[in-house]
N, C-alpha and C. Protein backbone atom coordinates (compact mmCIF):
# COMPACT_ATOMS: atom_id res chain seq x y z
N MET A 1 0.82 -1.19 0.00
CA MET A 1 0.00 0.00 0.00
C MET A 1 0.86 1.26 0.00
N ARG A 2 1.89 1.24 0.83
CA ARG A 2 2.79 2.38 0.93
C ARG A 2 3.49 2.64 -0.40
N LYS A 3 3.86 1.57 -1.12
CA LYS A 3 4.51 1.72 -2.43
C LYS A 3 3.55 2.39 -3.41
N ASN A 4 2.28 2.06 -3.39
CA ASN A 4 1.30 2.67 -4.27
C ASN A 4 1.16 4.17 -3.99
N GLN A 5 1.15 4.54 -2.69
CA GLN A 5 1.05 5.95 -2.33
C GLN A 5 2.28 6.71 -2.83
N LEU A 6 3.42 6.13 -2.64
CA LEU A 6 4.67 6.75 -3.10
C LEU A 6 4.67 6.91 -4.62
N PHE A 7 4.18 5.88 -5.30
CA PHE A 7 4.09 5.94 -6.76
C PHE A 7 3.15 7.05 -7.21
N ILE A 8 2.01 7.20 -6.56
CA ILE A 8 1.03 8.24 -6.91
C ILE A 8 1.63 9.63 -6.66
N VAL A 9 2.31 9.81 -5.56
CA VAL A 9 2.96 11.10 -5.25
C VAL A 9 4.01 11.42 -6.31
N LEU A 10 4.78 10.43 -6.69
CA LEU A 10 5.80 10.62 -7.72
C LEU A 10 5.16 11.02 -9.04
N LEU A 11 4.07 10.37 -9.43
CA LEU A 11 3.36 10.74 -10.65
C LEU A 11 2.84 12.17 -10.60
N LEU A 12 2.28 12.56 -9.46
CA LEU A 12 1.78 13.93 -9.31
C LEU A 12 2.91 14.97 -9.46
N VAL A 13 4.03 14.69 -8.82
CA VAL A 13 5.18 15.61 -8.91
C VAL A 13 5.64 15.73 -10.36
N LEU A 14 5.75 14.61 -11.05
CA LEU A 14 6.18 14.64 -12.44
C LEU A 14 5.18 15.36 -13.33
N SER A 15 3.89 15.19 -13.08
CA SER A 15 2.90 15.88 -13.91
C SER A 15 2.94 17.38 -13.68
N PHE A 16 3.15 17.84 -12.44
CA PHE A 16 3.29 19.28 -12.19
C PHE A 16 4.54 19.82 -12.87
N TYR A 17 5.63 19.08 -12.82
CA TYR A 17 6.88 19.51 -13.45
C TYR A 17 6.72 19.63 -14.96
N SER A 18 6.07 18.66 -15.58
CA SER A 18 5.90 18.70 -17.03
C SER A 18 4.98 19.82 -17.45
N CYS A 19 3.97 20.15 -16.64
CA CYS A 19 3.09 21.27 -16.97
C CYS A 19 3.85 22.59 -16.91
N SER A 20 4.73 22.76 -15.92
CA SER A 20 5.46 24.03 -15.83
C SER A 20 6.44 24.15 -17.00
N ASN A 21 7.01 23.06 -17.46
CA ASN A 21 7.89 23.12 -18.63
C ASN A 21 7.14 23.54 -19.87
N ASP A 22 5.90 23.05 -20.06
CA ASP A 22 5.11 23.43 -21.22
C ASP A 22 4.85 24.93 -21.21
N ASP A 23 4.56 25.48 -20.03
CA ASP A 23 4.30 26.91 -19.93
C ASP A 23 5.54 27.71 -20.30
N ASP A 24 6.72 27.25 -19.85
CA ASP A 24 7.95 27.97 -20.18
C ASP A 24 8.23 27.94 -21.67
N ASN A 25 7.88 26.87 -22.34
CA ASN A 25 8.16 26.76 -23.77
C ASN A 25 7.23 27.59 -24.64
N SER A 26 6.15 28.13 -24.09
CA SER A 26 5.22 28.87 -24.92
C SER A 26 5.72 30.27 -25.24
N SER A 27 6.57 30.86 -24.40
CA SER A 27 6.99 32.24 -24.65
C SER A 27 7.88 32.40 -25.88
N PRO A 28 8.80 31.48 -26.22
CA PRO A 28 9.56 31.68 -27.45
C PRO A 28 8.67 31.75 -28.69
N GLY A 29 7.58 30.97 -28.72
CA GLY A 29 6.66 31.02 -29.85
C GLY A 29 6.03 32.40 -30.00
N GLU A 30 5.76 33.03 -28.84
CA GLU A 30 5.18 34.37 -28.89
C GLU A 30 6.18 35.37 -29.46
N GLU A 31 7.47 35.18 -29.19
CA GLU A 31 8.49 36.06 -29.74
C GLU A 31 8.63 35.87 -31.24
N ASN A 32 8.37 34.68 -31.72
CA ASN A 32 8.57 34.35 -33.12
C ASN A 32 7.34 34.66 -33.95
N THR A 33 6.89 35.89 -33.86
CA THR A 33 5.78 36.34 -34.68
C THR A 33 6.23 37.55 -35.47
N LEU A 34 5.79 37.63 -36.69
CA LEU A 34 6.15 38.73 -37.56
C LEU A 34 5.51 40.04 -37.11
N ILE A 35 4.36 39.94 -36.47
CA ILE A 35 3.59 41.12 -36.09
C ILE A 35 4.38 41.96 -35.07
N GLY A 36 4.47 43.26 -35.33
CA GLY A 36 5.15 44.18 -34.43
C GLY A 36 6.09 45.09 -35.19
N LYS A 37 6.79 45.93 -34.44
CA LYS A 37 7.80 46.84 -35.01
C LYS A 37 9.17 46.22 -34.83
N TRP A 38 9.97 46.33 -35.87
CA TRP A 38 11.31 45.75 -35.88
C TRP A 38 12.31 46.81 -36.36
N LYS A 39 13.45 46.92 -35.68
CA LYS A 39 14.50 47.84 -36.14
C LYS A 39 15.67 47.05 -36.68
N LEU A 40 16.32 47.62 -37.69
CA LEU A 40 17.45 46.95 -38.35
C LEU A 40 18.64 46.83 -37.41
N VAL A 41 19.22 45.64 -37.34
CA VAL A 41 20.39 45.37 -36.51
C VAL A 41 21.62 45.16 -37.37
N SER A 42 21.45 44.37 -38.45
CA SER A 42 22.60 44.07 -39.30
C SER A 42 22.12 43.61 -40.68
N VAL A 43 23.07 43.62 -41.61
CA VAL A 43 22.82 43.12 -42.96
C VAL A 43 23.97 42.18 -43.30
N THR A 44 23.62 40.98 -43.76
CA THR A 44 24.63 40.03 -44.22
C THR A 44 24.44 39.89 -45.72
N ASP A 45 25.43 40.38 -46.46
CA ASP A 45 25.36 40.36 -47.91
C ASP A 45 26.44 39.44 -48.44
N GLU A 46 26.00 38.36 -49.06
CA GLU A 46 26.92 37.35 -49.58
C GLU A 46 27.92 36.88 -48.52
N GLY A 47 27.41 36.63 -47.32
CA GLY A 47 28.23 36.10 -46.24
C GLY A 47 28.98 37.14 -45.43
N GLN A 48 28.97 38.38 -45.86
CA GLN A 48 29.69 39.45 -45.15
C GLN A 48 28.72 40.17 -44.21
N LEU A 49 28.94 40.02 -42.90
CA LEU A 49 28.08 40.63 -41.89
C LEU A 49 28.51 42.07 -41.66
N GLU A 50 27.55 42.98 -41.67
CA GLU A 50 27.81 44.38 -41.37
C GLU A 50 26.75 44.85 -40.39
N GLN A 51 27.20 45.31 -39.23
CA GLN A 51 26.29 45.84 -38.22
C GLN A 51 25.69 47.15 -38.73
N ALA A 52 24.44 47.40 -38.39
CA ALA A 52 23.79 48.64 -38.79
C ALA A 52 24.44 49.81 -38.06
N SER A 53 24.63 50.91 -38.79
CA SER A 53 25.17 52.11 -38.17
C SER A 53 24.10 52.72 -37.27
N GLU A 54 24.46 53.76 -36.53
CA GLU A 54 23.49 54.41 -35.66
C GLU A 54 22.27 54.89 -36.47
N CYS A 55 22.53 55.46 -37.63
CA CYS A 55 21.42 55.93 -38.47
C CYS A 55 20.63 54.77 -39.07
N GLU A 56 21.33 53.78 -39.60
CA GLU A 56 20.66 52.64 -40.22
C GLU A 56 19.78 51.89 -39.21
N SER A 57 20.18 51.92 -37.93
CA SER A 57 19.39 51.21 -36.92
C SER A 57 18.07 51.92 -36.63
N LYS A 58 17.88 53.10 -37.22
CA LYS A 58 16.59 53.79 -37.11
C LYS A 58 15.65 53.35 -38.23
N SER A 59 16.10 52.44 -39.07
CA SER A 59 15.24 51.85 -40.10
C SER A 59 14.29 50.89 -39.41
N ILE A 60 13.00 51.11 -39.58
CA ILE A 60 11.99 50.31 -38.88
C ILE A 60 11.00 49.76 -39.89
N ILE A 61 10.64 48.51 -39.67
CA ILE A 61 9.57 47.89 -40.44
C ILE A 61 8.52 47.44 -39.43
N GLU A 62 7.26 47.70 -39.77
CA GLU A 62 6.17 47.29 -38.88
C GLU A 62 5.18 46.43 -39.66
N PHE A 63 4.87 45.27 -39.09
CA PHE A 63 3.87 44.37 -39.65
C PHE A 63 2.69 44.36 -38.68
N LYS A 64 1.49 44.60 -39.21
CA LYS A 64 0.29 44.66 -38.37
C LYS A 64 -0.59 43.43 -38.57
N ASN A 65 -1.48 43.20 -37.61
CA ASN A 65 -2.41 42.06 -37.66
C ASN A 65 -3.32 42.08 -38.88
N ASP A 66 -3.58 43.27 -39.43
CA ASP A 66 -4.48 43.35 -40.60
C ASP A 66 -3.74 43.13 -41.92
N ASN A 67 -2.53 42.57 -41.83
CA ASN A 67 -1.68 42.25 -42.98
C ASN A 67 -1.25 43.49 -43.77
N THR A 68 -1.05 44.60 -43.06
CA THR A 68 -0.45 45.78 -43.67
C THR A 68 0.93 45.96 -43.07
N PHE A 69 1.77 46.68 -43.80
CA PHE A 69 3.12 46.95 -43.31
C PHE A 69 3.52 48.37 -43.68
N MET A 70 4.53 48.87 -42.97
CA MET A 70 5.19 50.13 -43.32
C MET A 70 6.68 49.89 -43.09
N ASP A 71 7.49 50.28 -44.04
CA ASP A 71 8.92 50.05 -44.01
C ASP A 71 9.62 51.37 -44.33
N ILE A 72 10.29 51.96 -43.34
CA ILE A 72 10.98 53.24 -43.52
C ILE A 72 12.46 53.02 -43.25
N ALA A 73 13.29 53.32 -44.24
CA ALA A 73 14.74 53.18 -44.10
C ALA A 73 15.35 54.53 -43.75
N ALA A 74 16.37 54.50 -42.92
CA ALA A 74 17.10 55.71 -42.56
C ALA A 74 18.59 55.47 -42.83
N ILE A 75 19.25 56.47 -43.38
CA ILE A 75 20.68 56.37 -43.68
C ILE A 75 21.34 57.70 -43.34
N GLU A 76 22.68 57.69 -43.32
CA GLU A 76 23.42 58.91 -43.08
C GLU A 76 23.22 59.86 -44.25
N SER A 77 23.13 61.15 -43.94
CA SER A 77 23.01 62.15 -44.99
C SER A 77 24.35 62.34 -45.67
N GLU A 78 24.34 62.46 -46.97
CA GLU A 78 25.59 62.69 -47.71
C GLU A 78 26.07 64.13 -47.53
N ASN A 79 25.16 65.04 -47.15
CA ASN A 79 25.50 66.45 -47.05
C ASN A 79 25.97 66.89 -45.67
N SER A 80 25.84 66.02 -44.68
CA SER A 80 26.29 66.39 -43.34
C SER A 80 26.62 65.13 -42.55
N SER A 81 27.21 65.34 -41.39
CA SER A 81 27.53 64.19 -40.54
C SER A 81 26.35 63.82 -39.65
N ASN A 82 25.26 64.57 -39.75
CA ASN A 82 24.07 64.29 -38.94
C ASN A 82 23.31 63.10 -39.48
N CYS A 83 22.61 62.47 -38.58
CA CYS A 83 21.71 61.40 -38.97
C CYS A 83 20.35 62.02 -39.21
N VAL A 84 19.97 62.11 -40.46
CA VAL A 84 18.68 62.70 -40.81
C VAL A 84 17.93 61.71 -41.67
N TYR A 85 16.59 61.85 -41.70
CA TYR A 85 15.83 60.97 -42.57
C TYR A 85 16.26 61.21 -44.01
N ASP A 86 16.70 60.19 -44.65
CA ASP A 86 17.14 60.30 -46.03
C ASP A 86 16.94 58.94 -46.69
N GLY A 87 15.97 58.24 -46.18
CA GLY A 87 15.79 56.86 -46.63
C GLY A 87 14.62 56.68 -47.56
N PHE A 88 14.33 55.45 -47.81
CA PHE A 88 13.29 55.04 -48.73
C PHE A 88 12.17 54.43 -47.91
N GLY A 89 10.93 54.68 -48.28
CA GLY A 89 9.82 54.13 -47.52
C GLY A 89 8.76 53.52 -48.40
N THR A 90 8.20 52.42 -47.94
CA THR A 90 7.11 51.77 -48.65
C THR A 90 6.05 51.35 -47.64
N SER A 91 4.85 51.17 -48.13
CA SER A 91 3.77 50.63 -47.31
C SER A 91 2.92 49.76 -48.22
N GLY A 92 2.05 48.98 -47.62
CA GLY A 92 1.17 48.13 -48.42
C GLY A 92 0.65 46.97 -47.62
N THR A 93 0.38 45.88 -48.30
CA THR A 93 -0.12 44.68 -47.66
C THR A 93 0.90 43.57 -47.84
N PHE A 94 0.73 42.51 -47.05
CA PHE A 94 1.64 41.37 -47.16
C PHE A 94 0.88 40.07 -46.97
N VAL A 95 1.49 39.01 -47.47
CA VAL A 95 1.00 37.65 -47.27
C VAL A 95 2.17 36.84 -46.73
N LEU A 96 1.92 36.09 -45.66
CA LEU A 96 2.94 35.21 -45.09
C LEU A 96 2.40 33.80 -45.13
N ASP A 97 3.09 32.92 -45.88
CA ASP A 97 2.65 31.54 -46.03
C ASP A 97 3.86 30.63 -46.00
N ASN A 98 3.89 29.70 -45.05
CA ASN A 98 5.02 28.77 -44.91
C ASN A 98 6.35 29.48 -44.84
N ASN A 99 6.41 30.54 -44.03
CA ASN A 99 7.62 31.34 -43.82
C ASN A 99 8.11 32.07 -45.07
N ILE A 100 7.24 32.22 -46.07
CA ILE A 100 7.56 33.02 -47.25
C ILE A 100 6.70 34.27 -47.19
N LEU A 101 7.38 35.41 -47.16
CA LEU A 101 6.72 36.71 -47.07
C LEU A 101 6.71 37.37 -48.45
N VAL A 102 5.53 37.79 -48.88
CA VAL A 102 5.41 38.55 -50.12
C VAL A 102 4.70 39.84 -49.77
N ARG A 103 5.38 40.95 -50.04
CA ARG A 103 4.76 42.26 -49.83
C ARG A 103 4.01 42.62 -51.11
N THR A 104 2.71 42.82 -50.97
CA THR A 104 1.86 43.05 -52.12
C THR A 104 1.30 44.48 -52.07
N THR A 105 0.73 44.91 -53.17
CA THR A 105 0.18 46.26 -53.32
C THR A 105 1.08 47.29 -52.64
N VAL A 106 2.35 47.24 -52.98
CA VAL A 106 3.35 48.13 -52.38
C VAL A 106 3.20 49.52 -52.97
N ASP A 107 3.23 50.53 -52.10
CA ASP A 107 3.19 51.91 -52.53
C ASP A 107 4.40 52.62 -51.94
N VAL A 108 5.01 53.49 -52.71
CA VAL A 108 6.17 54.25 -52.26
C VAL A 108 5.66 55.45 -51.49
N ILE A 109 6.15 55.62 -50.25
CA ILE A 109 5.67 56.73 -49.43
C ILE A 109 6.74 57.78 -49.17
N ALA A 110 8.00 57.47 -49.43
CA ALA A 110 9.08 58.45 -49.24
C ALA A 110 10.22 58.11 -50.19
N VAL A 111 10.75 59.12 -50.84
CA VAL A 111 11.80 58.89 -51.82
C VAL A 111 12.93 59.89 -51.59
N PRO A 112 14.15 59.43 -51.35
CA PRO A 112 15.27 60.36 -51.25
C PRO A 112 15.53 61.02 -52.62
N GLU A 113 16.11 62.20 -52.59
CA GLU A 113 16.33 62.95 -53.83
C GLU A 113 17.12 62.17 -54.87
N ASP A 114 18.15 61.44 -54.43
CA ASP A 114 18.99 60.73 -55.40
C ASP A 114 18.28 59.53 -56.03
N LEU A 115 17.15 59.13 -55.50
CA LEU A 115 16.39 58.03 -56.09
C LEU A 115 15.09 58.50 -56.73
N ASP A 116 14.93 59.81 -56.82
CA ASP A 116 13.67 60.39 -57.31
C ASP A 116 13.62 60.35 -58.83
N ASN A 117 13.49 59.15 -59.38
CA ASN A 117 13.28 59.02 -60.83
C ASN A 117 12.13 58.05 -61.06
N PRO A 118 11.32 58.35 -62.05
CA PRO A 118 10.08 57.58 -62.27
C PRO A 118 10.29 56.08 -62.45
N ASP A 119 11.36 55.68 -63.15
CA ASP A 119 11.59 54.25 -63.37
C ASP A 119 11.85 53.51 -62.06
N PHE A 120 12.69 54.09 -61.20
CA PHE A 120 13.00 53.46 -59.91
C PHE A 120 11.74 53.34 -59.07
N ILE A 121 10.95 54.39 -59.02
CA ILE A 121 9.74 54.40 -58.22
C ILE A 121 8.74 53.36 -58.73
N GLU A 122 8.56 53.26 -60.05
CA GLU A 122 7.64 52.27 -60.61
C GLU A 122 8.11 50.85 -60.29
N ASP A 123 9.44 50.62 -60.36
CA ASP A 123 9.97 49.28 -60.05
C ASP A 123 9.72 48.90 -58.59
N ALA A 124 9.68 49.89 -57.69
CA ALA A 124 9.49 49.62 -56.26
C ALA A 124 8.03 49.34 -55.93
N LYS A 125 7.13 49.70 -56.80
CA LYS A 125 5.70 49.50 -56.54
C LYS A 125 5.27 48.10 -56.95
N GLY A 126 4.04 47.76 -56.60
CA GLY A 126 3.48 46.48 -57.03
C GLY A 126 3.72 45.40 -56.01
N GLU A 127 4.28 44.29 -56.44
CA GLU A 127 4.53 43.15 -55.56
C GLU A 127 6.03 42.91 -55.51
N ASN A 128 6.58 42.84 -54.30
CA ASN A 128 8.01 42.61 -54.14
C ASN A 128 8.33 41.12 -54.23
N ASP A 129 9.59 40.83 -54.49
CA ASP A 129 10.04 39.44 -54.54
C ASP A 129 9.83 38.78 -53.18
N PRO A 130 9.57 37.48 -53.18
CA PRO A 130 9.38 36.77 -51.91
C PRO A 130 10.63 36.82 -51.04
N GLU A 131 10.42 36.88 -49.73
CA GLU A 131 11.51 36.83 -48.77
C GLU A 131 11.22 35.67 -47.82
N THR A 132 12.25 34.98 -47.40
CA THR A 132 12.09 33.92 -46.42
C THR A 132 12.19 34.54 -45.03
N VAL A 133 11.27 34.15 -44.15
CA VAL A 133 11.23 34.66 -42.79
C VAL A 133 11.76 33.58 -41.85
N SER A 134 12.69 33.97 -40.97
CA SER A 134 13.13 33.05 -39.93
C SER A 134 13.37 33.85 -38.65
N PHE A 135 13.37 33.14 -37.53
CA PHE A 135 13.61 33.76 -36.24
C PHE A 135 14.76 33.04 -35.56
N GLU A 136 15.63 33.83 -34.91
CA GLU A 136 16.76 33.25 -34.20
C GLU A 136 17.04 34.12 -32.99
N ASN A 137 16.96 33.54 -31.81
CA ASN A 137 17.20 34.26 -30.56
C ASN A 137 16.34 35.52 -30.44
N GLY A 138 15.08 35.42 -30.82
CA GLY A 138 14.17 36.55 -30.72
C GLY A 138 14.34 37.60 -31.80
N LYS A 139 15.22 37.36 -32.75
CA LYS A 139 15.44 38.30 -33.85
C LYS A 139 14.79 37.79 -35.12
N LEU A 140 14.37 38.72 -35.97
CA LEU A 140 13.73 38.42 -37.24
C LEU A 140 14.76 38.51 -38.35
N ASN A 141 14.82 37.49 -39.19
CA ASN A 141 15.65 37.51 -40.39
C ASN A 141 14.74 37.53 -41.62
N LEU A 142 14.93 38.53 -42.48
CA LEU A 142 14.27 38.56 -43.78
C LEU A 142 15.34 38.25 -44.81
N ILE A 143 15.18 37.15 -45.51
CA ILE A 143 16.21 36.65 -46.42
C ILE A 143 15.75 36.84 -47.85
N GLU A 144 16.49 37.68 -48.58
CA GLU A 144 16.20 37.92 -50.00
C GLU A 144 17.18 37.12 -50.83
N THR A 145 16.67 36.44 -51.82
CA THR A 145 17.51 35.69 -52.76
C THR A 145 17.08 36.09 -54.16
N PHE A 146 18.05 36.45 -54.97
CA PHE A 146 17.72 36.77 -56.36
C PHE A 146 18.84 36.30 -57.26
N GLU A 147 18.50 36.13 -58.53
CA GLU A 147 19.47 35.65 -59.52
C GLU A 147 19.71 36.75 -60.54
N GLU A 148 20.99 36.93 -60.84
CA GLU A 148 21.38 37.91 -61.85
C GLU A 148 22.47 37.30 -62.72
N GLN A 149 22.21 37.17 -63.99
CA GLN A 149 23.15 36.60 -64.96
C GLN A 149 23.67 35.24 -64.50
N GLY A 150 22.76 34.40 -64.03
CA GLY A 150 23.12 33.04 -63.65
C GLY A 150 23.74 32.90 -62.27
N THR A 151 23.95 33.99 -61.55
CA THR A 151 24.52 33.93 -60.21
C THR A 151 23.43 34.24 -59.19
N VAL A 152 23.36 33.42 -58.14
CA VAL A 152 22.37 33.62 -57.09
C VAL A 152 23.01 34.44 -55.97
N PHE A 153 22.32 35.49 -55.55
CA PHE A 153 22.78 36.38 -54.49
C PHE A 153 21.81 36.28 -53.31
N THR A 154 22.35 36.33 -52.10
CA THR A 154 21.53 36.27 -50.89
C THR A 154 21.91 37.40 -49.95
N THR A 155 20.89 38.09 -49.45
CA THR A 155 21.07 39.14 -48.45
C THR A 155 20.13 38.85 -47.29
N ILE A 156 20.67 38.92 -46.07
CA ILE A 156 19.88 38.68 -44.87
C ILE A 156 19.82 39.98 -44.06
N TYR A 157 18.59 40.45 -43.85
CA TYR A 157 18.36 41.63 -43.03
C TYR A 157 17.91 41.13 -41.66
N THR A 158 18.64 41.49 -40.61
CA THR A 158 18.32 41.04 -39.26
C THR A 158 17.75 42.21 -38.46
N TYR A 159 16.60 41.96 -37.82
CA TYR A 159 15.89 42.98 -37.05
C TYR A 159 15.66 42.48 -35.63
N GLU A 160 15.49 43.44 -34.72
CA GLU A 160 15.05 43.10 -33.37
C GLU A 160 13.83 43.93 -33.03
N LYS A 161 12.99 43.39 -32.13
CA LYS A 161 11.76 44.09 -31.74
C LYS A 161 12.11 45.46 -31.16
N THR A 162 11.21 46.42 -31.41
CA THR A 162 11.40 47.75 -30.88
C THR A 162 10.04 48.38 -30.58
N SER A 163 10.06 49.35 -29.71
CA SER A 163 8.85 50.14 -29.47
C SER A 163 9.04 51.56 -29.99
N ALA A 164 10.18 51.79 -30.65
CA ALA A 164 10.50 53.12 -31.15
C ALA A 164 9.54 53.54 -32.26
N ASP A 165 9.38 54.84 -32.40
CA ASP A 165 8.59 55.38 -33.50
C ASP A 165 9.44 55.38 -34.76
N PHE A 166 8.79 55.57 -35.89
CA PHE A 166 9.53 55.69 -37.13
C PHE A 166 10.43 56.91 -37.05
N PHE A 167 11.47 56.90 -37.84
CA PHE A 167 12.52 57.90 -37.75
C PHE A 167 12.00 59.33 -37.64
N SER A 168 12.54 60.03 -36.68
CA SER A 168 12.29 61.47 -36.56
C SER A 168 13.58 62.10 -36.06
N GLU A 169 13.78 63.35 -36.43
CA GLU A 169 15.05 64.01 -36.10
C GLU A 169 15.25 64.18 -34.66
């Protein structure tokens, strides 16, 4: 009889322990969601990692529950050493299916002077090439792959969650 009681107590302890482990494992899944604001941390282009500069780290992309996004890039000004808005911005809708992100009905919302030409703007509109979405240590990776003259190129944009507003001086 005593062995049965000990066995039952042991089972109860193990069941409580396994329940608490399940609860702990649920939080990483919550971090691995595209929805939210993300700021640029680094860019890996053809295997070469480059950390975002202070200005580049003000580049923010936001994905909302209604499948809309806004993407505002910030870069250093060529005319001064100040970090001023001088980036490119798009907004629109997106579809995420099996970790493949396609930004659709893209509209250009901000254009730096050096990119202010009709051909460039038209090319940026419409539907963007698919990007692969992955998460690593709470960070978002958007992976672009494209082919040019038979050579495949890969660029990985790494973001981390932020509560910051879009770039302002």
